[in-house]
Amino acid sequence: MKLFFLNEQQSVRRIDWWFCGAIFFLITFGLLMQYSIGVNQEISNLSSFYKQLLLILVGIGLFVALCIVDYRFIKAHPLFYFIVGTGLLVAVLLFGRELKGTTGWFIIGSISIQPVEFVKLLFILCIAMYFDKDISLMQRTKFFLISGGIAAFFIGLIILQPDLGSAFILFVIWYGYALLLKAPRFFLILIPIMMIFAVIIGWFFLFSPYQKDRLQIFIDPSSDPRGAGYHVTQSMVAIGSGSIWGRGIGLGTQSQLHFLPEVTSDFIFAAIAEELGFVGVVVLVMALSIILIRLWKYMITTKENYAFLFVVGIFIYFAAQSILVIGMNIGMLPVTGLPLPLVSAGGSSMISTLIMLGIAHRIGYS
């Protein structure tokens, strides 16, 4: 029992204050922006803020519990995680609701659940267990292809929603594993080439008009500033208007007057840049960087394959999604509709991310 739980003295001594501090700072940062936007409406509406606060409390409770409980309790056969992930993705395709052009949500009362955010966690657990006994198996063609098949299966189901942003994140996680675990070089070169062909085929046969628009706007945001390029144009205007110190909390014209769409989720980075300026952006990026640095430390110091592989997956997920969201806000990457981890509104992403980070913290201080 002592191995399963940390006692009170051990719990305090083994807290990574930099890691936990950065996490709670980012959560507070996001809540502050959501409160600012909600309270400055013509008629104040804080319902979304309170709903997000409630879900954050659930996530924090899980984070704290997972920091105390031995992470080995989540060990299970990779097939288990594969089946659960498949079940969630198939169920949402059959019974889910369409929001923002994606059939990827379960609606329960006033709560919306996005299963794909939990599938990211399940996929990392599946791969970690698959290569637990011997991480060198990735270097053998058979096991490399099986892991790629698992990733391709999940990615295919996610594309059917369609949610290209989450599908891309899942691909990046798997490809990151392949690079780090030294998969056959031939395949590492072949896969990006295949991805290019897949995009070409998707353009002609799979992508919906709005997805094509996003790629065209990525290449030239000024080509349709009032239409398909509106999101990116307004985002860059918001970021530029923030200057060094920002306009001040609640004083951003683009975010408060609704010129900037999806201001509490997809484009919250632009809202932060407008209201808190370059200084606020630097602080935000520093907090994200602290989490990544601590995850890297956990990764290189753990001596157990399973723990190493799990933290690798979390590191890739957290880094890739943060870079992708910030990149789309500043017009350097296509708009994907992904949340900025720990900052954007979205309970599913918040809870899933806090579960990942809670397990990672426990691994780092085992």
Protein backbone atom coordinates (compact mmCIF):
# COMPACT_ATOMS: atom_id res chain seq x y z
CA MET A 1 0.00 0.00 0.00
CA LYS A 2 2.92 2.35 0.66
CA LEU A 3 4.01 1.83 -2.95
CA PHE A 4 0.56 2.76 -4.24
CA PHE A 5 0.08 6.00 -2.31
CA LEU A 6 2.48 8.70 -1.14
CA ASN A 7 2.08 9.76 2.48
CA GLU A 8 1.48 13.42 3.32
CA GLN A 9 5.15 14.22 4.02
CA GLN A 10 6.31 12.54 0.80
CA SER A 11 3.57 14.32 -1.20
CA VAL A 12 4.74 17.80 -0.14
CA ARG A 13 8.42 16.97 -0.54
CA ARG A 14 7.90 15.54 -4.01
CA ILE A 15 5.92 18.40 -5.50
CA ASP A 16 7.59 19.97 -8.53
CA TRP A 17 6.68 23.55 -7.76
CA TRP A 18 7.93 24.89 -11.09
CA PHE A 19 5.85 22.36 -13.01
CA CYS A 20 2.69 22.79 -10.92
CA GLY A 21 3.12 26.55 -10.74
CA ALA A 22 3.33 26.86 -14.53
CA ILE A 23 0.23 24.66 -14.93
CA PHE A 24 -1.89 26.68 -12.52
CA PHE A 25 -0.57 29.95 -13.92
CA LEU A 26 -1.72 28.99 -17.44
CA ILE A 27 -5.12 27.89 -16.15
CA THR A 28 -5.52 31.20 -14.30
CA PHE A 29 -4.35 33.09 -17.38
CA GLY A 30 -7.04 31.46 -19.48
CA LEU A 31 -9.76 31.99 -16.88
CA LEU A 32 -8.84 35.65 -16.58
CA MET A 33 -9.32 36.15 -20.32
CA GLN A 34 -12.61 34.25 -20.33
CA TYR A 35 -13.91 36.32 -17.41
CA SER A 36 -12.82 39.53 -19.12
CA ILE A 37 -14.64 38.64 -22.33
CA GLY A 38 -17.77 37.44 -20.51
CA VAL A 39 -18.13 40.40 -18.18
CA ASN A 40 -17.64 43.03 -20.89
CA GLN A 41 -20.66 42.05 -22.97
CA GLU A 42 -23.58 44.47 -23.38
CA ILE A 43 -25.30 42.13 -20.96
CA SER A 44 -22.70 40.34 -18.85
CA ASN A 45 -22.75 36.60 -19.46
CA LEU A 46 -20.46 34.54 -17.26
CA SER A 47 -22.15 31.18 -17.78
CA SER A 48 -19.29 29.90 -19.97
CA PHE A 49 -16.77 31.13 -17.41
CA TYR A 50 -18.48 29.30 -14.54
CA LYS A 51 -18.87 26.13 -16.60
CA GLN A 52 -15.17 26.23 -17.47
CA LEU A 53 -14.29 26.87 -13.80
CA LEU A 54 -16.32 23.82 -12.75
CA LEU A 55 -14.59 21.59 -15.30
CA ILE A 56 -11.20 22.95 -14.26
CA LEU A 57 -11.93 21.99 -10.65
CA VAL A 58 -12.72 18.45 -11.84
CA GLY A 59 -9.47 18.38 -13.80
CA ILE A 60 -7.43 19.70 -10.87
CA GLY A 61 -8.97 17.05 -8.60
CA LEU A 62 -7.87 14.36 -11.05
CA PHE A 63 -4.43 15.98 -11.38
CA VAL A 64 -3.88 15.95 -7.61
CA ALA A 65 -5.14 12.37 -7.28
CA LEU A 66 -2.83 11.16 -10.06
CA CYS A 67 0.12 12.95 -8.45
CA ILE A 68 -0.43 10.79 -5.35
CA VAL A 69 -1.49 7.42 -6.78
CA ASP A 70 1.16 5.14 -8.29
CA TYR A 71 1.04 5.61 -12.08
CA ARG A 72 1.47 1.86 -12.65
CA PHE A 73 -2.22 1.32 -11.90
CA ILE A 74 -3.04 2.55 -15.42
CA LYS A 75 -0.98 -0.23 -17.00
CA ALA A 76 -3.16 -2.40 -19.21
CA HIS A 77 -2.88 -4.41 -22.42
CA PRO A 78 -2.54 -2.04 -25.41
CA LEU A 79 -5.55 -3.74 -26.97
CA PHE A 80 -7.69 -2.37 -24.11
CA TYR A 81 -6.76 1.22 -24.90
CA PHE A 82 -7.20 0.57 -28.62
CA ILE A 83 -10.72 -0.81 -28.10
CA VAL A 84 -11.77 2.06 -25.80
CA GLY A 85 -10.39 4.66 -28.22
CA THR A 86 -12.10 2.98 -31.18
CA GLY A 87 -15.37 2.77 -29.26
CA LEU A 88 -15.31 6.49 -28.48
CA LEU A 89 -14.54 7.52 -32.06
CA VAL A 90 -17.14 5.20 -33.61
CA ALA A 91 -19.79 6.21 -31.04
CA VAL A 92 -19.30 9.92 -31.70
CA LEU A 93 -19.60 9.36 -35.46
CA LEU A 94 -22.86 7.45 -34.96
CA PHE A 95 -24.45 9.37 -32.11
CA GLY A 96 -22.48 12.60 -31.77
CA ARG A 97 -23.65 16.13 -32.44
CA GLU A 98 -22.18 18.47 -35.02
CA LEU A 99 -20.57 21.65 -33.68
CA LYS A 100 -18.32 24.01 -35.63
CA GLY A 101 -18.59 21.76 -38.70
CA THR A 102 -17.36 18.65 -36.89
CA THR A 103 -19.39 15.63 -35.77
CA GLY A 104 -17.19 15.15 -32.75
CA TRP A 105 -19.25 16.00 -29.67
CA PHE A 106 -21.50 14.35 -27.12
CA ILE A 107 -23.97 16.81 -25.60
CA ILE A 108 -25.14 16.04 -22.06
CA GLY A 109 -27.34 18.84 -20.76
CA SER A 110 -25.23 21.99 -20.89
CA ILE A 111 -21.96 20.00 -21.03
CA SER A 112 -20.30 19.14 -24.34
CA ILE A 113 -17.72 16.33 -24.41
CA GLN A 114 -15.19 15.97 -27.22
CA PRO A 115 -13.99 12.33 -27.19
CA VAL A 116 -11.02 12.95 -29.49
CA GLU A 117 -9.26 14.83 -26.66
CA PHE A 118 -9.34 11.65 -24.55
CA VAL A 119 -8.35 9.51 -27.55
CA LYS A 120 -5.04 11.43 -27.65
CA LEU A 121 -4.41 10.19 -24.10
CA LEU A 122 -5.56 6.65 -24.93
CA PHE A 123 -3.29 6.53 -27.98
CA ILE A 124 -0.25 7.54 -25.91
CA LEU A 125 -1.13 4.85 -23.33
CA CYS A 126 -1.57 2.27 -26.11
CA ILE A 127 1.83 3.00 -27.69
CA ALA A 128 3.55 3.17 -24.28
CA MET A 129 2.24 -0.29 -23.40
CA TYR A 130 2.93 -1.71 -26.87
CA PHE A 131 6.65 -0.94 -26.63
CA ASP A 132 6.92 -1.33 -22.84
CA LYS A 133 8.88 -4.59 -22.87
CA ASP A 134 11.37 -3.50 -25.51
CA ILE A 135 11.52 -0.01 -27.03
CA SER A 136 13.92 -1.28 -29.71
CA LEU A 137 10.99 -3.10 -31.31
CA MET A 138 10.17 0.13 -33.18
CA GLN A 139 13.35 -0.50 -35.19
CA ARG A 140 11.87 -3.71 -36.58
CA THR A 141 9.66 -3.28 -39.63
CA LYS A 142 6.86 -5.54 -38.37
CA PHE A 143 6.29 -3.68 -35.09
CA PHE A 144 6.83 -0.28 -36.70
CA LEU A 145 4.08 -1.04 -39.25
CA ILE A 146 1.71 -2.34 -36.57
CA SER A 147 2.12 0.85 -34.53
CA GLY A 148 1.64 2.86 -37.72
CA GLY A 149 -1.50 0.87 -38.47
CA ILE A 150 -2.93 1.70 -35.03
CA ALA A 151 -2.20 5.39 -35.59
CA ALA A 152 -3.63 5.31 -39.14
CA PHE A 153 -6.83 3.63 -37.91
CA PHE A 154 -7.43 6.31 -35.25
CA ILE A 155 -6.48 9.10 -37.66
CA GLY A 156 -8.90 7.75 -40.28
CA LEU A 157 -11.80 7.77 -37.81
CA ILE A 158 -10.92 11.31 -36.71
CA ILE A 159 -10.77 12.54 -40.32
CA LEU A 160 -14.31 11.22 -40.84
CA GLN A 161 -15.62 13.73 -38.26
CA PRO A 162 -13.79 15.69 -39.89
CA ASP A 163 -11.20 17.04 -37.43
CA LEU A 164 -7.98 17.50 -39.38
CA GLY A 165 -6.26 19.35 -36.53
CA SER A 166 -6.61 16.49 -34.04
CA ALA A 167 -5.76 13.95 -36.76
CA PHE A 168 -2.54 15.86 -37.46
CA ILE A 169 -1.65 15.97 -33.74
CA LEU A 170 -2.10 12.20 -33.49
CA PHE A 171 0.15 11.74 -36.52
CA VAL A 172 2.81 14.01 -35.01
CA ILE A 173 2.74 12.02 -31.75
CA TRP A 174 3.23 8.72 -33.60
CA TYR A 175 5.90 10.11 -35.94
CA GLY A 176 7.69 11.62 -32.93
CA TYR A 177 7.79 8.17 -31.36
CA ALA A 178 9.15 6.73 -34.62
CA LEU A 179 11.94 9.32 -34.78
CA LEU A 180 12.91 9.03 -31.13
CA LEU A 181 12.86 5.23 -31.09
CA LYS A 182 14.88 5.08 -34.33
CA ALA A 183 12.39 3.43 -36.67
CA PRO A 184 13.74 2.21 -40.04
CA ARG A 185 15.15 5.21 -41.91
CA PHE A 186 13.53 4.17 -45.19
CA PHE A 187 10.06 4.56 -43.66
CA LEU A 188 10.92 7.80 -41.88
CA ILE A 189 11.74 9.32 -45.28
CA LEU A 190 8.85 7.66 -47.09
CA ILE A 191 6.13 8.79 -44.68
CA PRO A 192 6.47 12.59 -45.29
CA ILE A 193 6.38 11.91 -49.03
CA MET A 194 3.22 9.85 -48.58
CA MET A 195 1.72 12.66 -46.48
CA ILE A 196 2.26 15.11 -49.33
CA PHE A 197 0.47 12.76 -51.74
CA ALA A 198 -2.30 12.26 -49.16
CA VAL A 199 -2.85 16.04 -48.98
CA ILE A 200 -3.00 16.21 -52.79
CA ILE A 201 -5.54 13.37 -52.93
CA GLY A 202 -7.49 14.92 -50.05
CA TRP A 203 -7.63 18.24 -51.88
CA PHE A 204 -9.39 16.67 -54.86
CA PHE A 205 -11.50 13.99 -53.17
CA LEU A 206 -11.80 14.45 -49.38
CA PHE A 207 -11.43 18.03 -48.16
CA SER A 208 -14.58 20.08 -47.71
CA PRO A 209 -14.69 23.64 -49.14
CA TYR A 210 -13.92 25.31 -45.79
CA GLN A 211 -10.82 23.11 -45.34
CA LYS A 212 -9.57 24.09 -48.80
CA ASP A 213 -10.19 27.73 -47.90
CA ARG A 214 -8.05 27.36 -44.77
CA LEU A 215 -5.12 26.03 -46.78
CA GLN A 216 -5.47 28.78 -49.39
CA ILE A 217 -5.63 31.44 -46.68
CA PHE A 218 -2.56 29.93 -45.03
CA ILE A 219 -0.64 30.52 -48.26
CA ASP A 220 -2.05 34.05 -48.72
CA PRO A 221 -4.11 35.45 -45.79
CA SER A 222 -4.80 38.68 -47.72
CA SER A 223 -6.50 36.91 -50.63
CA ASP A 224 -9.94 36.98 -48.95
CA PRO A 225 -9.76 39.18 -45.81
CA ARG A 226 -13.55 39.49 -45.45
CA GLY A 227 -14.35 35.87 -46.22
CA ALA A 228 -12.27 32.74 -45.62
CA GLY A 229 -9.31 34.80 -44.39
CA TYR A 230 -11.34 36.78 -41.85
CA HIS A 231 -10.22 34.72 -38.83
CA VAL A 232 -6.50 35.01 -39.57
CA THR A 233 -6.72 38.68 -40.58
CA GLN A 234 -8.50 39.67 -37.37
CA SER A 235 -6.11 37.57 -35.31
CA MET A 236 -3.08 39.33 -36.73
CA VAL A 237 -4.73 42.74 -36.29
CA ALA A 238 -5.40 41.89 -32.64
CA ILE A 239 -1.82 40.75 -32.05
CA GLY A 240 -0.37 43.82 -33.76
CA SER A 241 -2.58 46.24 -31.84
CA GLY A 242 -1.37 44.86 -28.52
CA SER A 243 2.11 46.33 -29.02
CA ILE A 244 4.47 45.94 -26.02
CA TRP A 245 2.21 46.32 -22.99
CA GLY A 246 -1.20 45.61 -24.49
CA ARG A 247 -4.44 47.55 -24.37
CA GLY A 248 -5.29 46.26 -20.91
CA ILE A 249 -7.60 43.57 -19.55
CA GLY A 250 -11.08 44.03 -20.98
CA LEU A 251 -9.97 46.82 -23.35
CA GLY A 252 -9.14 44.83 -26.48
CA THR A 253 -11.25 46.11 -29.36
CA GLN A 254 -10.89 43.02 -31.56
CA SER A 255 -11.69 40.54 -28.79
CA GLN A 256 -14.27 42.51 -26.79
CA LEU A 257 -16.24 43.74 -29.83
CA HIS A 258 -16.29 40.24 -31.38
CA PHE A 259 -14.25 41.07 -34.46
CA LEU A 260 -12.00 38.21 -33.40
CA PRO A 261 -13.95 34.91 -33.68
CA GLU A 262 -13.69 31.98 -31.23
CA VAL A 263 -11.90 34.34 -28.89
CA THR A 264 -11.94 32.10 -25.80
CA SER A 265 -10.83 28.94 -27.62
CA ASP A 266 -9.07 28.85 -31.00
CA PHE A 267 -7.85 32.46 -30.92
CA ILE A 268 -7.29 33.05 -27.22
CA PHE A 269 -3.58 33.61 -27.89
CA ALA A 270 -4.46 36.59 -30.10
CA ALA A 271 -6.77 37.96 -27.39
CA ILE A 272 -3.96 37.68 -24.83
CA ALA A 273 -1.55 39.42 -27.20
CA GLU A 274 -4.03 42.26 -27.74
CA GLU A 275 -4.88 42.87 -24.10
CA LEU A 276 -1.52 42.04 -22.46
CA GLY A 277 0.83 42.78 -25.34
CA PHE A 278 4.24 41.34 -26.11
CA VAL A 279 5.02 41.11 -22.39
CA GLY A 280 1.96 38.93 -21.79
CA VAL A 281 2.86 36.70 -24.72
CA VAL A 282 6.42 36.24 -23.42
CA VAL A 283 5.11 35.27 -19.98
CA LEU A 284 2.66 32.82 -21.57
CA VAL A 285 5.36 31.20 -23.72
CA MET A 286 7.70 31.00 -20.71
CA ALA A 287 5.05 29.10 -18.71
CA LEU A 288 4.50 26.68 -21.62
CA SER A 289 8.29 26.26 -21.90
CA ILE A 290 8.68 25.50 -18.18
CA ILE A 291 6.19 22.63 -18.50
CA LEU A 292 8.06 21.25 -21.52
CA ILE A 293 11.44 21.56 -19.78
CA ARG A 294 10.15 19.67 -16.73
CA LEU A 295 8.57 16.99 -18.94
CA TRP A 296 11.94 16.61 -20.67
CA LYS A 297 13.61 16.18 -17.28
CA TYR A 298 11.09 13.49 -16.29
CA MET A 299 11.68 11.77 -19.61
CA ILE A 300 15.46 11.55 -19.37
CA THR A 301 15.62 10.63 -15.68
CA THR A 302 13.07 7.82 -15.52
CA LYS A 303 14.49 4.30 -15.73
CA GLU A 304 11.32 2.47 -16.71
CA ASN A 305 10.41 1.97 -20.37
CA TYR A 306 6.71 2.49 -19.82
CA ALA A 307 7.20 5.74 -17.91
CA PHE A 308 9.68 7.00 -20.50
CA LEU A 309 7.35 6.25 -23.40
CA PHE A 310 4.36 7.82 -21.69
CA VAL A 311 6.16 11.10 -20.93
CA VAL A 312 7.55 11.18 -24.49
CA GLY A 313 4.00 11.09 -25.83
CA ILE A 314 2.85 13.87 -23.49
CA PHE A 315 5.87 16.01 -24.39
CA ILE A 316 5.19 15.66 -28.12
CA TYR A 317 1.46 16.33 -27.69
CA PHE A 318 1.95 19.40 -25.51
CA ALA A 319 4.69 20.88 -27.71
CA ALA A 320 3.00 20.14 -31.04
CA GLN A 321 -0.43 21.46 -30.07
CA SER A 322 0.99 24.60 -28.46
CA ILE A 323 3.13 25.37 -31.52
CA LEU A 324 0.26 24.65 -33.92
CA VAL A 325 -2.22 26.90 -32.08
CA ILE A 326 0.24 29.79 -31.68
CA GLY A 327 1.32 29.35 -35.30
CA MET A 328 -2.23 29.61 -36.61
CA ASN A 329 -2.89 32.70 -34.45
CA ILE A 330 0.05 34.54 -36.00
CA GLY A 331 -0.77 33.37 -39.54
CA MET A 332 2.21 31.03 -39.93
CA LEU A 333 0.18 27.79 -39.88
CA PRO A 334 -3.30 26.86 -41.18
CA VAL A 335 -6.31 27.37 -38.91
CA THR A 336 -7.03 24.01 -37.25
CA GLY A 337 -9.59 24.68 -34.52
CA LEU A 338 -7.43 23.23 -31.74
CA PRO A 339 -7.35 24.56 -28.15
CA LEU A 340 -4.20 25.99 -26.57
CA PRO A 341 -3.43 23.48 -23.78
CA LEU A 342 -4.54 24.66 -20.32
CA VAL A 343 -5.49 28.10 -21.62
CA SER A 344 -8.35 27.81 -24.12
CA ALA A 345 -11.95 27.19 -23.09
CA GLY A 346 -12.87 23.53 -23.47
CA GLY A 347 -13.45 21.06 -20.67
CA SER A 348 -12.48 17.91 -22.56
CA SER A 349 -9.07 19.27 -23.51
CA MET A 350 -8.52 20.71 -20.03
CA ILE A 351 -9.38 17.48 -18.19
CA SER A 352 -7.45 15.25 -20.60
CA THR A 353 -4.36 17.48 -20.42
CA LEU A 354 -4.46 17.64 -16.61
CA ILE A 355 -4.74 13.83 -16.46
CA MET A 356 -1.65 13.53 -18.66
CA LEU A 357 0.33 16.06 -16.63
CA GLY A 358 -0.74 14.52 -13.32
CA ILE A 359 0.58 11.11 -14.37
CA ALA A 360 3.75 12.72 -15.74
CA HIS A 361 4.36 14.54 -12.44
CA ARG A 362 3.97 11.26 -10.53
CA ILE A 363 6.45 9.60 -12.91
CA GLY A 364 8.94 12.42 -12.44
CA TYR A 365 8.82 12.12 -8.65
CA SER A 366 8.51 8.35 -8.22
